[in-house]
Amino acid sequence: RSDMWLDKIRYCVDMDEAAYLKMAIA
Protein backbone atom coordinates (compact mmCIF):
# COMPACT_ATOMS: atom_id res chain seq x y z
CA ARG A 1 0.00 0.00 0.00
CA SER A 2 2.30 2.75 -1.27
CA ASP A 3 -0.62 5.16 -1.02
CA MET A 4 -0.90 4.55 2.73
CA TRP A 5 2.83 5.14 3.19
CA LEU A 6 2.55 8.47 1.40
CA ASP A 7 -0.50 9.47 3.45
CA LYS A 8 1.24 8.70 6.76
CA ILE A 9 4.44 10.50 5.77
CA ARG A 10 2.40 13.57 4.85
CA TYR A 11 0.51 13.24 8.13
CA CYS A 12 3.79 13.18 10.02
CA VAL A 13 5.00 16.29 8.20
CA ASP A 14 1.76 18.17 8.85
CA MET A 15 1.41 17.14 12.52
CA ASP A 16 1.59 19.92 15.09
CA GLU A 17 3.28 19.91 18.50
CA ALA A 18 0.18 18.97 20.52
CA ALA A 19 -0.70 15.96 18.37
CA TYR A 20 2.91 14.81 18.26
CA LEU A 21 3.39 14.97 22.02
CA LYS A 22 0.35 12.74 22.46
CA MET A 23 1.94 10.13 20.19
CA ALA A 24 5.37 10.44 21.79
CA ILE A 25 3.89 9.98 25.27
CA ALA A 26 1.85 7.01 24.03
PDB file of all heavy atoms in Angstrom:
ATOM      1  N   ARG A   1       0.826  -1.206   0.000  1.00  0.00           N
ATOM      2  CA  ARG A   1       0.000   0.000   0.000  1.00  0.00           C
ATOM      3  C   ARG A   1       0.863   1.260   0.000  1.00  0.00           C
ATOM      4  O   ARG A   1       0.980   1.964   0.987  1.00  0.00           O
ATOM      5  CB  ARG A   1      -0.932  -0.005   1.205  1.00  0.00           C
ATOM      6  CG  ARG A   1      -1.995  -1.093   1.183  1.00  0.00           C
ATOM      7  CD  ARG A   1      -2.980  -0.909   0.026  1.00  0.00           C
ATOM      8  NE  ARG A   1      -3.590   0.415   0.031  1.00  0.00           N
ATOM      9  CZ  ARG A   1      -4.686   0.714   0.732  1.00  0.00           C
ATOM     10  NH1 ARG A   1      -5.267  -0.217   1.478  1.00  0.00           N
ATOM     11  NH2 ARG A   1      -5.196   1.929   0.681  1.00  0.00           N
ATOM     12  N   SER A   2       1.466   1.541  -1.147  1.00  0.00           N
ATOM     13  CA  SER A   2       2.297   2.745  -1.266  1.00  0.00           C
ATOM     14  C   SER A   2       1.504   4.008  -0.952  1.00  0.00           C
ATOM     15  O   SER A   2       2.045   4.978  -0.408  1.00  0.00           O
ATOM     16  CB  SER A   2       2.877   2.840  -2.678  1.00  0.00           C
ATOM     17  OG  SER A   2       3.804   1.811  -2.915  1.00  0.00           O
ATOM     18  N   ASP A   3       0.210   3.996  -1.285  1.00  0.00           N
ATOM     19  CA  ASP A   3      -0.623   5.162  -1.021  1.00  0.00           C
ATOM     20  C   ASP A   3      -0.733   5.437   0.473  1.00  0.00           C
ATOM     21  O   ASP A   3      -0.703   6.598   0.904  1.00  0.00           O
ATOM     22  CB  ASP A   3      -2.015   4.962  -1.623  1.00  0.00           C
ATOM     23  CG  ASP A   3      -2.716   3.710  -1.087  1.00  0.00           C
ATOM     24  OD1 ASP A   3      -2.037   2.691  -0.827  1.00  0.00           O
ATOM     25  OD2 ASP A   3      -3.950   3.746  -0.915  1.00  0.00           O
ATOM     26  N   MET A   4      -0.820   4.378   1.285  1.00  0.00           N
ATOM     27  CA  MET A   4      -0.903   4.552   2.729  1.00  0.00           C
ATOM     28  C   MET A   4       0.407   5.090   3.296  1.00  0.00           C
ATOM     29  O   MET A   4       0.406   5.916   4.221  1.00  0.00           O
ATOM     30  CB  MET A   4      -1.278   3.238   3.405  1.00  0.00           C
ATOM     31  CG  MET A   4      -2.697   2.770   3.125  1.00  0.00           C
ATOM     32  SD  MET A   4      -3.093   1.196   3.951  1.00  0.00           S
ATOM     33  CE  MET A   4      -3.002   1.698   5.677  1.00  0.00           C
ATOM     34  N   TRP A   5       1.529   4.624   2.751  1.00  0.00           N
ATOM     35  CA  TRP A   5       2.832   5.144   3.195  1.00  0.00           C
ATOM     36  C   TRP A   5       2.927   6.641   2.924  1.00  0.00           C
ATOM     37  O   TRP A   5       3.337   7.420   3.790  1.00  0.00           O
ATOM     38  CB  TRP A   5       3.965   4.396   2.497  1.00  0.00           C
ATOM     39  CG  TRP A   5       4.234   3.065   3.110  1.00  0.00           C
ATOM     40  CD1 TRP A   5       3.641   1.879   2.801  1.00  0.00           C
ATOM     41  CD2 TRP A   5       5.170   2.784   4.159  1.00  0.00           C
ATOM     42  NE1 TRP A   5       4.138   0.868   3.602  1.00  0.00           N
ATOM     43  CE2 TRP A   5       5.078   1.395   4.437  1.00  0.00           C
ATOM     44  CE3 TRP A   5       6.074   3.549   4.885  1.00  0.00           C
ATOM     45  CZ2 TRP A   5       5.858   0.773   5.409  1.00  0.00           C
ATOM     46  CZ3 TRP A   5       6.859   2.934   5.852  1.00  0.00           C
ATOM     47  CH2 TRP A   5       6.741   1.567   6.108  1.00  0.00           C
ATOM     48  N   LEU A   6       2.517   7.046   1.731  1.00  0.00           N
ATOM     49  CA  LEU A   6       2.546   8.473   1.398  1.00  0.00           C
ATOM     50  C   LEU A   6       1.645   9.276   2.323  1.00  0.00           C
ATOM     51  O   LEU A   6       2.017  10.348   2.802  1.00  0.00           O
ATOM     52  CB  LEU A   6       2.123   8.680  -0.057  1.00  0.00           C
ATOM     53  CG  LEU A   6       3.198   8.463  -1.119  1.00  0.00           C
ATOM     54  CD1 LEU A   6       2.584   8.468  -2.507  1.00  0.00           C
ATOM     55  CD2 LEU A   6       4.281   9.529  -1.018  1.00  0.00           C
ATOM     56  N   ASP A   7       0.443   8.767   2.586  1.00  0.00           N
ATOM     57  CA  ASP A   7      -0.499   9.473   3.454  1.00  0.00           C
ATOM     58  C   ASP A   7       0.079   9.654   4.853  1.00  0.00           C
ATOM     59  O   ASP A   7      -0.043  10.729   5.452  1.00  0.00           O
ATOM     60  CB  ASP A   7      -1.818   8.700   3.539  1.00  0.00           C
ATOM     61  CG  ASP A   7      -2.642   8.809   2.262  1.00  0.00           C
ATOM     62  OD1 ASP A   7      -2.331   9.684   1.433  1.00  0.00           O
ATOM     63  OD2 ASP A   7      -3.582   8.010   2.100  1.00  0.00           O
ATOM     64  N   LYS A   8       0.706   8.611   5.401  1.00  0.00           N
ATOM     65  CA  LYS A   8       1.236   8.698   6.757  1.00  0.00           C
ATOM     66  C   LYS A   8       2.462   9.612   6.827  1.00  0.00           C
ATOM     67  O   LYS A   8       2.653  10.332   7.810  1.00  0.00           O
ATOM     68  CB  LYS A   8       1.581   7.305   7.289  1.00  0.00           C
ATOM     69  CG  LYS A   8       0.375   6.416   7.513  1.00  0.00           C
ATOM     70  CD  LYS A   8      -0.676   7.074   8.398  1.00  0.00           C
ATOM     71  CE  LYS A   8      -1.875   6.175   8.607  1.00  0.00           C
ATOM     72  NZ  LYS A   8      -2.981   6.871   9.328  1.00  0.00           N
ATOM     73  N   ILE A   9       3.295   9.587   5.793  1.00  0.00           N
ATOM     74  CA  ILE A   9       4.444  10.496   5.769  1.00  0.00           C
ATOM     75  C   ILE A   9       3.947  11.942   5.761  1.00  0.00           C
ATOM     76  O   ILE A   9       4.435  12.797   6.513  1.00  0.00           O
ATOM     77  CB  ILE A   9       5.354  10.229   4.556  1.00  0.00           C
ATOM     78  CG1 ILE A   9       5.964   8.823   4.637  1.00  0.00           C
ATOM     79  CG2 ILE A   9       6.475  11.271   4.504  1.00  0.00           C
ATOM     80  CD1 ILE A   9       6.672   8.387   3.371  1.00  0.00           C
ATOM     81  N   ARG A  10       2.973  12.213   4.912  1.00  0.00           N
ATOM     82  CA  ARG A  10       2.401  13.569   4.851  1.00  0.00           C
ATOM     83  C   ARG A  10       1.778  13.949   6.198  1.00  0.00           C
ATOM     84  O   ARG A  10       1.889  15.094   6.646  1.00  0.00           O
ATOM     85  CB  ARG A  10       1.357  13.646   3.742  1.00  0.00           C
ATOM     86  CG  ARG A  10       1.940  13.565   2.326  1.00  0.00           C
ATOM     87  CD  ARG A  10       0.897  13.869   1.273  1.00  0.00           C
ATOM     88  NE  ARG A  10       1.452  13.786  -0.056  1.00  0.00           N
ATOM     89  CZ  ARG A  10       1.138  12.848  -0.957  1.00  0.00           C
ATOM     90  NH1 ARG A  10       0.245  11.908  -0.645  1.00  0.00           N
ATOM     91  NH2 ARG A  10       1.699  12.828  -2.143  1.00  0.00           N
ATOM     92  N   TYR A  11       1.115  12.993   6.830  1.00  0.00           N
ATOM     93  CA  TYR A  11       0.507  13.243   8.129  1.00  0.00           C
ATOM     94  C   TYR A  11       1.575  13.591   9.167  1.00  0.00           C
ATOM     95  O   TYR A  11       1.392  14.505   9.983  1.00  0.00           O
ATOM     96  CB  TYR A  11      -0.277  12.008   8.562  1.00  0.00           C
ATOM     97  CG  TYR A  11      -0.992  12.144   9.881  1.00  0.00           C
ATOM     98  CD1 TYR A  11      -2.120  12.953   9.987  1.00  0.00           C
ATOM     99  CD2 TYR A  11      -0.544  11.479  11.016  1.00  0.00           C
ATOM    100  CE1 TYR A  11      -2.788  13.083  11.194  1.00  0.00           C
ATOM    101  CE2 TYR A  11      -1.197  11.609  12.232  1.00  0.00           C
ATOM    102  CZ  TYR A  11      -2.326  12.407  12.308  1.00  0.00           C
ATOM    103  OH  TYR A  11      -2.977  12.549  13.511  1.00  0.00           O
ATOM    104  N   CYS A  12       2.684  12.889   9.109  1.00  0.00           N
ATOM    105  CA  CYS A  12       3.793  13.176  10.024  1.00  0.00           C
ATOM    106  C   CYS A  12       4.355  14.568   9.783  1.00  0.00           C
ATOM    107  O   CYS A  12       4.680  15.301  10.735  1.00  0.00           O
ATOM    108  CB  CYS A  12       4.902  12.135   9.863  1.00  0.00           C
ATOM    109  SG  CYS A  12       4.463  10.477  10.455  1.00  0.00           S
ATOM    110  N   VAL A  13       4.498  14.947   8.531  1.00  0.00           N
ATOM    111  CA  VAL A  13       5.005  16.288   8.202  1.00  0.00           C
ATOM    112  C   VAL A  13       4.051  17.359   8.715  1.00  0.00           C
ATOM    113  O   VAL A  13       4.474  18.363   9.311  1.00  0.00           O
ATOM    114  CB  VAL A  13       5.198  16.437   6.680  1.00  0.00           C
ATOM    115  CG1 VAL A  13       5.574  17.877   6.319  1.00  0.00           C
ATOM    116  CG2 VAL A  13       6.265  15.474   6.166  1.00  0.00           C
ATOM    117  N   ASP A  14       2.760  17.154   8.520  1.00  0.00           N
ATOM    118  CA  ASP A  14       1.756  18.168   8.852  1.00  0.00           C
ATOM    119  C   ASP A  14       1.415  18.224  10.342  1.00  0.00           C
ATOM    120  O   ASP A  14       0.792  19.183  10.799  1.00  0.00           O
ATOM    121  CB  ASP A  14       0.470  17.910   8.065  1.00  0.00           C
ATOM    122  CG  ASP A  14       0.641  18.140   6.572  1.00  0.00           C
ATOM    123  OD1 ASP A  14       1.588  18.860   6.197  1.00  0.00           O
ATOM    124  OD2 ASP A  14      -0.145  17.583   5.790  1.00  0.00           O
ATOM    125  N   MET A  15       1.793  17.223  11.112  1.00  0.00           N
ATOM    126  CA  MET A  15       1.412  17.144  12.521  1.00  0.00           C
ATOM    127  C   MET A  15       1.954  18.332  13.315  1.00  0.00           C
ATOM    128  O   MET A  15       3.090  18.758  13.113  1.00  0.00           O
ATOM    129  CB  MET A  15       1.942  15.830  13.110  1.00  0.00           C
ATOM    130  CG  MET A  15       1.447  15.529  14.504  1.00  0.00           C
ATOM    131  SD  MET A  15       2.103  13.933  15.096  1.00  0.00           S
ATOM    132  CE  MET A  15       1.278  12.800  13.989  1.00  0.00           C
ATOM    133  N   ASP A  16       1.135  18.824  14.239  1.00  0.00           N
ATOM    134  CA  ASP A  16       1.593  19.924  15.087  1.00  0.00           C
ATOM    135  C   ASP A  16       2.149  19.380  16.404  1.00  0.00           C
ATOM    136  O   ASP A  16       2.129  18.174  16.661  1.00  0.00           O
ATOM    137  CB  ASP A  16       0.475  20.937  15.324  1.00  0.00           C
ATOM    138  CG  ASP A  16      -0.735  20.342  16.050  1.00  0.00           C
ATOM    139  OD1 ASP A  16      -0.608  19.268  16.671  1.00  0.00           O
ATOM    140  OD2 ASP A  16      -1.814  20.959  15.995  1.00  0.00           O
ATOM    141  N   GLU A  17       2.624  20.290  17.251  1.00  0.00           N
ATOM    142  CA  GLU A  17       3.277  19.908  18.500  1.00  0.00           C
ATOM    143  C   GLU A  17       2.348  19.140  19.433  1.00  0.00           C
ATOM    144  O   GLU A  17       2.733  18.131  20.020  1.00  0.00           O
ATOM    145  CB  GLU A  17       3.806  21.168  19.199  1.00  0.00           C
ATOM    146  CG  GLU A  17       4.387  20.955  20.577  1.00  0.00           C
ATOM    147  CD  GLU A  17       5.791  20.366  20.573  1.00  0.00           C
ATOM    148  OE1 GLU A  17       6.300  20.037  19.485  1.00  0.00           O
ATOM    149  OE2 GLU A  17       6.379  20.250  21.664  1.00  0.00           O
ATOM    150  N   ALA A  18       1.113  19.602  19.577  1.00  0.00           N
ATOM    151  CA  ALA A  18       0.182  18.968  20.515  1.00  0.00           C
ATOM    152  C   ALA A  18      -0.109  17.523  20.120  1.00  0.00           C
ATOM    153  O   ALA A  18      -0.079  16.614  20.957  1.00  0.00           O
ATOM    154  CB  ALA A  18      -1.113  19.768  20.591  1.00  0.00           C
ATOM    155  N   ALA A  19      -0.399  17.308  18.840  1.00  0.00           N
ATOM    156  CA  ALA A  19      -0.695  15.958  18.367  1.00  0.00           C
ATOM    157  C   ALA A  19       0.523  15.063  18.484  1.00  0.00           C
ATOM    158  O   ALA A  19       0.412  13.878  18.847  1.00  0.00           O
ATOM    159  CB  ALA A  19      -1.189  16.006  16.925  1.00  0.00           C
ATOM    160  N   TYR A  20       1.702  15.626  18.188  1.00  0.00           N
ATOM    161  CA  TYR A  20       2.911  14.808  18.262  1.00  0.00           C
ATOM    162  C   TYR A  20       3.215  14.385  19.695  1.00  0.00           C
ATOM    163  O   TYR A  20       3.570  13.231  19.952  1.00  0.00           O
ATOM    164  CB  TYR A  20       4.128  15.540  17.680  1.00  0.00           C
ATOM    165  CG  TYR A  20       5.370  14.701  17.849  1.00  0.00           C
ATOM    166  CD1 TYR A  20       5.563  13.562  17.084  1.00  0.00           C
ATOM    167  CD2 TYR A  20       6.297  14.991  18.855  1.00  0.00           C
ATOM    168  CE1 TYR A  20       6.656  12.744  17.284  1.00  0.00           C
ATOM    169  CE2 TYR A  20       7.399  14.181  19.052  1.00  0.00           C
ATOM    170  CZ  TYR A  20       7.567  13.051  18.260  1.00  0.00           C
ATOM    171  OH  TYR A  20       8.640  12.222  18.481  1.00  0.00           O
ATOM    172  N   LEU A  21       3.092  15.303  20.637  1.00  0.00           N
ATOM    173  CA  LEU A  21       3.394  14.968  22.021  1.00  0.00           C
ATOM    174  C   LEU A  21       2.496  13.843  22.528  1.00  0.00           C
ATOM    175  O   LEU A  21       2.933  12.991  23.303  1.00  0.00           O
ATOM    176  CB  LEU A  21       3.258  16.197  22.912  1.00  0.00           C
ATOM    177  CG  LEU A  21       4.406  17.212  22.830  1.00  0.00           C
ATOM    178  CD1 LEU A  21       4.135  18.411  23.731  1.00  0.00           C
ATOM    179  CD2 LEU A  21       5.742  16.551  23.191  1.00  0.00           C
ATOM    180  N   LYS A  22       1.248  13.825  22.080  1.00  0.00           N
ATOM    181  CA  LYS A  22       0.351  12.737  22.462  1.00  0.00           C
ATOM    182  C   LYS A  22       0.892  11.399  21.976  1.00  0.00           C
ATOM    183  O   LYS A  22       0.862  10.391  22.701  1.00  0.00           O
ATOM    184  CB  LYS A  22      -1.051  12.981  21.900  1.00  0.00           C
ATOM    185  CG  LYS A  22      -1.812  14.096  22.587  1.00  0.00           C
ATOM    186  CD  LYS A  22      -3.190  14.258  21.984  1.00  0.00           C
ATOM    187  CE  LYS A  22      -3.963  15.386  22.666  1.00  0.00           C
ATOM    188  NZ  LYS A  22      -5.305  15.577  22.060  1.00  0.00           N
ATOM    189  N   MET A  23       1.389  11.374  20.738  1.00  0.00           N
ATOM    190  CA  MET A  23       1.944  10.131  20.185  1.00  0.00           C
ATOM    191  C   MET A  23       3.240   9.747  20.877  1.00  0.00           C
ATOM    192  O   MET A  23       3.481   8.565  21.167  1.00  0.00           O
ATOM    193  CB  MET A  23       2.177  10.270  18.681  1.00  0.00           C
ATOM    194  CG  MET A  23       0.923  10.243  17.843  1.00  0.00           C
ATOM    195  SD  MET A  23       1.289   9.857  16.088  1.00  0.00           S
ATOM    196  CE  MET A  23       1.610   8.094  16.195  1.00  0.00           C
ATOM    197  N   ALA A  24       4.094  10.716  21.141  1.00  0.00           N
ATOM    198  CA  ALA A  24       5.371  10.438  21.794  1.00  0.00           C
ATOM    199  C   ALA A  24       5.155   9.884  23.202  1.00  0.00           C
ATOM    200  O   ALA A  24       5.814   8.922  23.622  1.00  0.00           O
ATOM    201  CB  ALA A  24       6.226  11.695  21.847  1.00  0.00           C
ATOM    202  N   ILE A  25       4.216  10.471  23.930  1.00  0.00           N
ATOM    203  CA  ILE A  25       3.885   9.982  25.272  1.00  0.00           C
ATOM    204  C   ILE A  25       3.304   8.579  25.193  1.00  0.00           C
ATOM    205  O   ILE A  25       3.637   7.701  26.004  1.00  0.00           O
ATOM    206  CB  ILE A  25       2.900  10.953  25.961  1.00  0.00           C
ATOM    207  CG1 ILE A  25       3.609  12.271  26.285  1.00  0.00           C
ATOM    208  CG2 ILE A  25       2.323  10.335  27.228  1.00  0.00           C
ATOM    209  CD1 ILE A  25       2.666  13.377  26.720  1.00  0.00           C
ATOM    210  N   ALA A  26       2.444   8.341  24.202  1.00  0.00           N
ATOM    211  CA  ALA A  26       1.849   7.015  24.029  1.00  0.00           C
ATOM    212  C   ALA A  26       2.906   5.975  23.689  1.00  0.00           C
ATOM    213  O   ALA A  26       2.837   4.823  24.145  1.00  0.00           O
ATOM    214  CB  ALA A  26       0.782   7.064  22.941  1.00  0.00           C
TER     215      ALA A  26
END
